[in-house]
Amino acid sequence: MRAKATLVTGAAGEVGQALVRRLAGSGFCQGRRVLTMDLDPLPAELSAHVTHVQGSILDTSLLERLVSEYEIEEIYHLAALLSTRAEFSPDAAHRVNVEGTLGLLHLAAQQSEWRGEPVRFIFPSSIAVFGLPDTATKEKYARVREWEWNYPTTMYGCNKLYCEMLGIYFGRHYRQLAADRPTSLDFRAVRFPGLVSAFTLPSGGTSDYGPEMLHAAAQQKPYACFVREDVRIPFMAMPDAVKALVNLAQAPLEALSRPVYNVTSFSISAGEFRDHVKRFFPDAEISFAPDLKRQRIVDSWPADLDDTAARRDWGWSPDYDAERAFAGYLVPNIRRRHGNEAGSTTPDGA
């Protein structure tokens, strides 16, 4: 008999490590094995508590082997090629972000049919799905709702928006003309703002100027920010990102009014981010040297997200505003990471 499992792809990434830590250290999986997958190995302190498979989500034979060994009841699909890297390799981004997601949706649909009940498929989307045409429009539409300005300007944003549509299709319309239409999968997505972690290093996101600032300051290295001082986007501390994924997964299906939800925490400009950093690292050398290509991308993203639907439907509320994120989570843990203080605190997701 196959063991029941929760599958986490992209488990060695920023969000993945935090989520795996949360799932492996709690009762959220309700007796299911935590099965993780990534091109890279997991840190030793995580791999001891899960079953890790090292490989690509594009490897169909590997996915078939997993299905033969495990009854996958829940999928957190985090594997992706992120925004800045995707602009340099759009074809590779399409293969990983779209074809990889499509393969997993097929897997989830087949598992749903075999089980006779839907596999829950949790998908982290992104602020990159939005595309405002100019800064005047960005100022006018200060808090953007889920269905507004879905005109992404990056390959990553296009990939994420299309994958949202694929998830909705597989959840609601797949095989709709078949007489024996199988049980649909249960697709749920959150659109994240810029994410900031104290425990993992930035890995290629266009919003990474924030965490890069912090890590450079803690290492007493100068940092030239690649966007203008006045640019504003929303951010979220990593523990809140994990909280959003888990809370959405646990929400009763009947409470959900939509398949895709905005979530956010605090909105600050790059200059305000710098000011927070310098409160704690007064000697930090932070300058602004905008990269025009990345600046255009950030200018197309909303200054804030309207997460009213998530708050109403499944009780979303962040634990970290800007003050608590910096003073209580980011600064003390980044200091310890880079040897400014002894000891350690609770990692993301624990």
Protein backbone atom coordinates (compact mmCIF):
# COMPACT_ATOMS: atom_id res chain seq x y z
CA MET A 1 0.00 0.00 0.00
CA ARG A 2 1.33 3.44 -0.95
CA ALA A 3 2.21 5.83 1.86
CA LYS A 4 0.15 9.02 2.00
CA ALA A 5 2.23 12.14 1.38
CA THR A 6 2.32 15.90 1.12
CA LEU A 7 4.65 16.89 -1.74
CA VAL A 8 6.68 20.12 -1.59
CA THR A 9 8.54 21.07 -4.77
CA GLY A 10 11.30 23.68 -4.72
CA ALA A 11 11.91 22.61 -1.14
CA ALA A 12 15.51 23.86 -0.98
CA GLY A 13 14.55 27.43 -1.92
CA GLU A 14 13.79 30.41 0.31
CA VAL A 15 10.09 29.70 0.79
CA GLY A 16 10.58 25.95 0.52
CA GLN A 17 12.92 25.59 3.49
CA ALA A 18 10.67 27.69 5.68
CA LEU A 19 7.57 25.73 4.66
CA VAL A 20 9.23 22.34 5.11
CA ARG A 21 10.36 23.35 8.57
CA ARG A 22 6.77 24.25 9.44
CA LEU A 23 5.23 21.10 7.98
CA ALA A 24 7.83 18.71 9.38
CA GLY A 25 7.63 20.18 12.87
CA SER A 26 3.88 20.22 13.32
CA GLY A 27 0.72 18.22 12.86
CA PHE A 28 -0.41 20.09 9.75
CA CYS A 29 0.10 17.08 7.49
CA GLN A 30 -2.23 14.91 9.60
CA GLY A 31 -0.12 11.77 9.46
CA ARG A 32 1.02 12.22 5.87
CA ARG A 33 4.70 11.88 5.07
CA VAL A 34 6.40 15.11 3.99
CA LEU A 35 7.91 14.36 0.58
CA THR A 36 10.25 17.06 -0.74
CA MET A 37 11.74 17.62 -4.18
CA ASP A 38 14.42 19.95 -5.51
CA LEU A 39 17.44 20.02 -7.81
CA ASP A 40 19.54 20.69 -4.71
CA PRO A 41 19.86 18.78 -1.43
CA LEU A 42 18.11 20.01 1.70
CA PRO A 43 20.12 21.24 4.68
CA ALA A 44 20.89 18.35 7.02
CA GLU A 45 18.67 19.63 9.81
CA LEU A 46 15.68 19.45 7.46
CA SER A 47 16.44 16.30 5.48
CA ALA A 48 16.42 14.23 8.67
CA HIS A 49 12.69 14.91 9.09
CA VAL A 50 11.41 14.41 5.52
CA THR A 51 11.84 12.16 2.51
CA HIS A 52 13.85 14.20 0.02
CA VAL A 53 14.07 13.43 -3.68
CA GLN A 54 16.77 15.26 -5.63
CA GLY A 55 15.70 15.86 -9.20
CA SER A 56 13.78 18.01 -11.67
CA ILE A 57 10.04 18.52 -11.84
CA LEU A 58 10.49 18.14 -15.62
CA ASP A 59 11.65 14.54 -15.13
CA THR A 60 8.45 12.62 -15.95
CA SER A 61 9.93 9.25 -15.08
CA LEU A 62 10.81 10.57 -11.62
CA LEU A 63 7.27 11.86 -11.11
CA GLU A 64 5.87 8.50 -12.23
CA ARG A 65 8.08 6.74 -9.69
CA LEU A 66 6.85 9.03 -6.92
CA VAL A 67 3.23 8.30 -7.82
CA SER A 68 3.95 4.56 -7.77
CA GLU A 69 5.36 4.84 -4.23
CA TYR A 70 3.17 7.52 -2.63
CA GLU A 71 -0.46 8.51 -2.53
CA ILE A 72 -0.03 12.25 -2.92
CA GLU A 73 -2.90 14.03 -1.20
CA GLU A 74 -1.52 17.57 -1.13
CA ILE A 75 1.00 19.52 -3.22
CA TYR A 76 2.79 22.76 -2.42
CA HIS A 77 4.33 23.67 -5.77
CA LEU A 78 7.13 26.15 -5.05
CA ALA A 79 9.67 25.22 -7.73
CA ALA A 80 10.26 28.13 -10.12
CA LEU A 81 12.83 30.14 -12.01
CA LEU A 82 12.51 33.60 -10.43
CA SER A 83 11.91 36.96 -12.05
CA THR A 84 15.34 38.41 -12.77
CA ARG A 85 16.84 35.08 -13.79
CA ALA A 86 13.80 34.36 -15.96
CA GLU A 87 14.44 37.53 -18.00
CA PHE A 88 17.88 36.24 -18.94
CA SER A 89 16.58 32.75 -19.79
CA PRO A 90 12.92 33.08 -20.88
CA ASP A 91 12.81 29.71 -22.65
CA ALA A 92 14.18 27.92 -19.59
CA ALA A 93 11.74 29.88 -17.41
CA HIS A 94 8.83 28.74 -19.54
CA ARG A 95 9.94 25.12 -19.34
CA VAL A 96 10.36 25.17 -15.55
CA ASN A 97 7.54 27.51 -14.58
CA VAL A 98 4.86 26.45 -17.07
CA GLU A 99 5.70 22.96 -18.29
CA GLY A 100 6.74 21.90 -14.80
CA THR A 101 3.48 23.19 -13.35
CA LEU A 102 1.44 21.59 -16.13
CA GLY A 103 3.01 18.22 -15.43
CA LEU A 104 2.22 18.47 -11.73
CA LEU A 105 -1.36 19.54 -12.45
CA HIS A 106 -1.76 16.44 -14.63
CA LEU A 107 -0.32 14.35 -11.79
CA ALA A 108 -2.73 15.93 -9.29
CA ALA A 109 -5.71 15.42 -11.60
CA GLN A 110 -4.85 11.75 -12.07
CA GLN A 111 -4.38 11.29 -8.32
CA SER A 112 -7.72 13.00 -7.67
CA GLU A 113 -9.44 10.60 -10.06
CA TRP A 114 -7.75 7.56 -8.53
CA ARG A 115 -8.58 8.65 -4.96
CA GLY A 116 -12.12 9.74 -5.69
CA GLU A 117 -11.49 13.02 -3.89
CA PRO A 118 -9.55 16.13 -4.88
CA VAL A 119 -5.83 16.57 -4.32
CA ARG A 120 -5.20 19.99 -2.76
CA PHE A 121 -2.79 21.98 -4.95
CA ILE A 122 -1.29 25.09 -3.31
CA PHE A 123 0.43 27.48 -5.70
CA PRO A 124 2.48 30.55 -4.72
CA SER A 125 1.94 33.22 -7.34
CA SER A 126 3.44 36.69 -7.37
CA ILE A 127 3.00 40.44 -7.55
CA ALA A 128 4.73 40.01 -10.93
CA VAL A 129 1.38 39.06 -12.50
CA PHE A 130 0.45 42.75 -12.37
CA GLY A 131 1.63 45.28 -14.92
CA LEU A 132 0.76 48.93 -14.54
CA PRO A 133 1.70 51.02 -17.59
CA ASP A 134 3.36 53.98 -15.88
CA THR A 135 4.11 55.54 -12.49
CA ALA A 136 1.10 57.89 -12.72
CA THR A 137 -1.22 54.88 -12.99
CA LYS A 138 0.66 53.19 -10.16
CA GLU A 139 0.05 56.23 -7.95
CA LYS A 140 -3.64 56.36 -8.90
CA TYR A 141 -4.28 52.64 -8.25
CA ALA A 142 -2.58 52.43 -4.87
CA ARG A 143 -4.07 49.09 -3.73
CA VAL A 144 -4.68 46.66 -6.59
CA ARG A 145 -7.27 43.89 -6.44
CA GLU A 146 -6.81 40.40 -7.85
CA TRP A 147 -8.49 41.02 -11.20
CA GLU A 148 -7.01 44.46 -11.92
CA TRP A 149 -4.01 45.22 -14.16
CA ASN A 150 -3.19 41.60 -14.99
CA TYR A 151 -0.80 42.63 -17.75
CA PRO A 152 2.61 41.30 -16.65
CA THR A 153 5.76 42.75 -18.19
CA THR A 154 8.12 39.86 -17.36
CA MET A 155 8.36 36.24 -18.43
CA TYR A 156 8.07 35.24 -14.76
CA GLY A 157 4.86 37.26 -14.38
CA CYS A 158 3.44 35.80 -17.60
CA ASN A 159 4.33 32.30 -16.40
CA LYS A 160 2.68 32.81 -13.00
CA LEU A 161 -0.51 34.31 -14.45
CA TYR A 162 -0.82 31.52 -17.01
CA CYS A 163 -0.24 28.88 -14.34
CA GLU A 164 -3.02 30.43 -12.26
CA MET A 165 -5.29 29.99 -15.29
CA LEU A 166 -4.09 26.41 -15.78
CA GLY A 167 -4.81 25.63 -12.14
CA ILE A 168 -8.31 27.06 -12.42
CA TYR A 169 -8.86 25.07 -15.61
CA PHE A 170 -7.76 21.79 -14.04
CA GLY A 171 -9.77 22.54 -10.91
CA ARG A 172 -13.01 23.50 -12.63
CA HIS A 173 -13.05 22.53 -16.31
CA TYR A 174 -10.61 19.69 -17.06
CA ARG A 175 -12.27 16.93 -19.09
CA GLN A 176 -15.55 18.85 -18.97
CA LEU A 177 -16.73 17.14 -22.17
CA ALA A 178 -16.00 13.64 -20.87
CA ALA A 179 -18.99 11.59 -19.78
CA ASP A 180 -17.02 10.18 -16.85
CA ARG A 181 -15.49 13.48 -15.72
CA PRO A 182 -13.23 12.67 -12.73
CA THR A 183 -13.10 14.45 -9.41
CA SER A 184 -11.47 17.85 -9.91
CA LEU A 185 -8.34 18.86 -8.04
CA ASP A 186 -8.58 21.60 -5.41
CA PHE A 187 -6.44 24.46 -6.74
CA ARG A 188 -5.63 27.42 -4.45
CA ALA A 189 -3.13 30.24 -5.07
CA VAL A 190 -1.71 33.18 -3.16
CA ARG A 191 -0.09 36.17 -4.83
CA PHE A 192 2.89 37.15 -2.72
CA PRO A 193 4.51 40.59 -2.49
CA GLY A 194 8.30 40.84 -2.07
CA LEU A 195 9.43 38.27 0.50
CA VAL A 196 12.19 38.87 3.05
CA SER A 197 13.88 36.05 4.96
CA ALA A 198 16.44 36.28 7.74
CA PHE A 199 17.60 32.69 7.27
CA THR A 200 18.08 32.21 3.53
CA LEU A 201 19.89 34.47 1.08
CA PRO A 202 18.11 36.23 -1.82
CA SER A 203 17.98 34.05 -4.91
CA GLY A 204 17.12 36.06 -8.00
CA GLY A 205 13.90 37.95 -7.31
CA THR A 206 13.45 41.51 -8.56
CA SER A 207 12.28 42.57 -5.09
CA ASP A 208 15.52 41.27 -3.56
CA TYR A 209 16.98 44.76 -3.20
CA GLY A 210 15.38 44.83 0.26
CA PRO A 211 16.93 41.70 1.74
CA GLU A 212 20.19 42.36 -0.13
CA MET A 213 20.39 45.72 1.67
CA LEU A 214 20.01 44.04 5.05
CA HIS A 215 22.48 41.23 4.47
CA ALA A 216 25.10 43.64 3.09
CA ALA A 217 24.71 45.94 6.10
CA ALA A 218 25.11 43.03 8.52
CA GLN A 219 28.32 42.02 6.72
CA GLN A 220 29.61 45.63 6.72
CA LYS A 221 29.65 45.68 2.93
CA PRO A 222 28.58 48.65 0.80
CA TYR A 223 25.41 48.15 -1.20
CA ALA A 224 24.19 49.94 -4.33
CA CYS A 225 20.42 49.50 -4.57
CA PHE A 226 19.28 48.71 -8.13
CA VAL A 227 16.02 50.71 -7.92
CA ARG A 228 15.21 54.35 -7.23
CA GLU A 229 14.84 55.59 -3.67
CA ASP A 230 11.16 56.52 -4.18
CA VAL A 231 9.95 53.21 -5.65
CA ARG A 232 7.33 51.54 -3.46
CA ILE A 233 6.09 47.94 -3.37
CA PRO A 234 4.63 45.70 -0.65
CA PHE A 235 6.74 43.26 1.36
CA MET A 236 6.18 40.34 3.70
CA ALA A 237 8.39 38.60 6.27
CA MET A 238 8.97 34.93 5.48
CA PRO A 239 7.10 33.56 8.53
CA ASP A 240 3.97 35.32 7.25
CA ALA A 241 4.46 33.80 3.79
CA VAL A 242 4.51 30.33 5.33
CA LYS A 243 1.51 31.21 7.47
CA ALA A 244 -0.43 32.30 4.37
CA LEU A 245 0.30 29.06 2.50
CA VAL A 246 -0.65 26.84 5.44
CA ASN A 247 -3.75 28.83 6.38
CA LEU A 248 -5.04 28.82 2.82
CA ALA A 249 -4.43 25.07 2.60
CA GLN A 250 -6.40 24.49 5.81
CA ALA A 251 -9.34 26.74 4.91
CA PRO A 252 -12.66 24.94 4.25
CA LEU A 253 -13.33 24.84 0.53
CA GLU A 254 -16.84 26.21 1.00
CA ALA A 255 -15.39 29.37 2.59
CA LEU A 256 -13.35 30.27 -0.49
CA SER A 257 -14.96 32.71 -2.91
CA ARG A 258 -12.11 32.61 -5.43
CA PRO A 259 -9.16 30.36 -6.38
CA VAL A 260 -6.51 33.13 -6.27
CA TYR A 261 -5.89 35.54 -3.38
CA ASN A 262 -3.69 38.58 -2.81
CA VAL A 263 -1.84 38.58 0.52
CA THR A 264 0.41 41.30 1.87
CA SER A 265 1.85 42.83 5.02
CA PHE A 266 3.52 46.25 4.73
CA SER A 267 4.25 48.65 1.88
CA ILE A 268 7.42 50.76 1.99
CA SER A 269 9.66 52.60 -0.47
CA ALA A 270 13.26 51.61 -1.12
CA GLY A 271 14.30 54.74 0.77
CA GLU A 272 12.18 53.78 3.77
CA PHE A 273 13.68 50.28 3.63
CA ARG A 274 17.13 51.93 3.74
CA ASP A 275 16.05 54.05 6.73
CA HIS A 276 14.94 50.94 8.65
CA VAL A 277 18.27 49.26 7.90
CA LYS A 278 20.29 52.28 9.06
CA ARG A 279 18.38 52.45 12.34
CA PHE A 280 20.01 49.16 13.27
CA PHE A 281 23.20 49.43 11.20
CA PRO A 282 24.01 53.16 11.34
CA ASP A 283 27.35 52.71 9.57
CA ALA A 284 25.77 50.90 6.60
CA GLU A 285 26.87 52.28 3.23
CA ILE A 286 23.75 52.23 1.05
CA SER A 287 23.54 54.11 -2.23
CA PHE A 288 21.09 54.05 -5.13
CA ALA A 289 22.23 53.11 -8.64
CA PRO A 290 19.06 52.15 -10.53
CA ASP A 291 19.32 49.43 -13.15
CA LEU A 292 16.90 50.68 -15.82
CA LYS A 293 15.64 47.24 -16.81
CA ARG A 294 14.89 46.10 -13.28
CA GLN A 295 13.58 49.57 -12.41
CA ARG A 296 10.97 49.28 -15.18
CA ILE A 297 9.84 45.95 -13.80
CA VAL A 298 9.37 47.26 -10.25
CA ASP A 299 7.64 50.40 -11.55
CA SER A 300 5.03 48.13 -13.18
CA TRP A 301 4.17 46.45 -9.88
CA PRO A 302 1.53 47.89 -7.52
CA ALA A 303 2.56 50.02 -4.56
CA ASP A 304 0.29 47.82 -2.43
CA LEU A 305 -2.06 44.85 -2.75
CA ASP A 306 -5.69 44.70 -1.68
CA ASP A 307 -5.99 41.48 0.36
CA THR A 308 -9.57 42.06 1.54
CA ALA A 309 -10.80 38.76 0.08
CA ALA A 310 -8.18 36.70 1.95
CA ARG A 311 -8.97 38.49 5.21
CA ARG A 312 -12.68 37.91 4.74
CA ASP A 313 -12.68 34.32 3.44
CA TRP A 314 -9.99 32.58 5.49
CA GLY A 315 -9.02 35.03 8.19
CA TRP A 316 -5.72 36.18 6.72
CA SER A 317 -3.84 38.63 8.94
CA PRO A 318 -0.04 39.09 8.95
CA ASP A 319 1.88 38.81 12.21
CA TYR A 320 4.64 41.19 11.09
CA ASP A 321 4.17 44.85 10.21
CA ALA A 322 7.28 46.78 9.14
CA GLU A 323 8.37 47.63 12.70
CA ARG A 324 8.05 44.10 14.04
CA ALA A 325 9.53 42.59 10.88
CA PHE A 326 12.75 44.59 11.25
CA ALA A 327 13.11 44.82 15.04
CA GLY A 328 11.75 41.42 16.05
CA TYR A 329 12.64 39.13 13.17
CA LEU A 330 14.97 40.37 10.42
CA VAL A 331 17.69 42.34 12.21
CA PRO A 332 18.40 40.05 15.20
CA ASN A 333 18.47 36.92 13.07
CA ILE A 334 20.51 38.40 10.22
CA ARG A 335 23.00 39.73 12.80
CA ARG A 336 23.40 36.22 14.20
CA ARG A 337 23.66 34.70 10.74
CA HIS A 338 26.59 36.93 9.87
CA GLY A 339 28.33 36.65 13.24
CA ASN A 340 27.37 40.01 14.73
CA GLU A 341 25.82 38.29 17.76
CA ALA A 342 26.08 34.86 19.32
CA GLY A 343 23.33 32.29 19.40
CA SER A 344 20.35 31.75 17.15
CA THR A 345 16.58 32.14 17.23
CA THR A 346 13.72 30.20 15.78
CA PRO A 347 14.11 29.78 12.01
CA ASP A 348 11.45 30.63 9.43
CA GLY A 349 8.41 28.42 9.68
CA ALA A 350 9.32 26.69 12.94
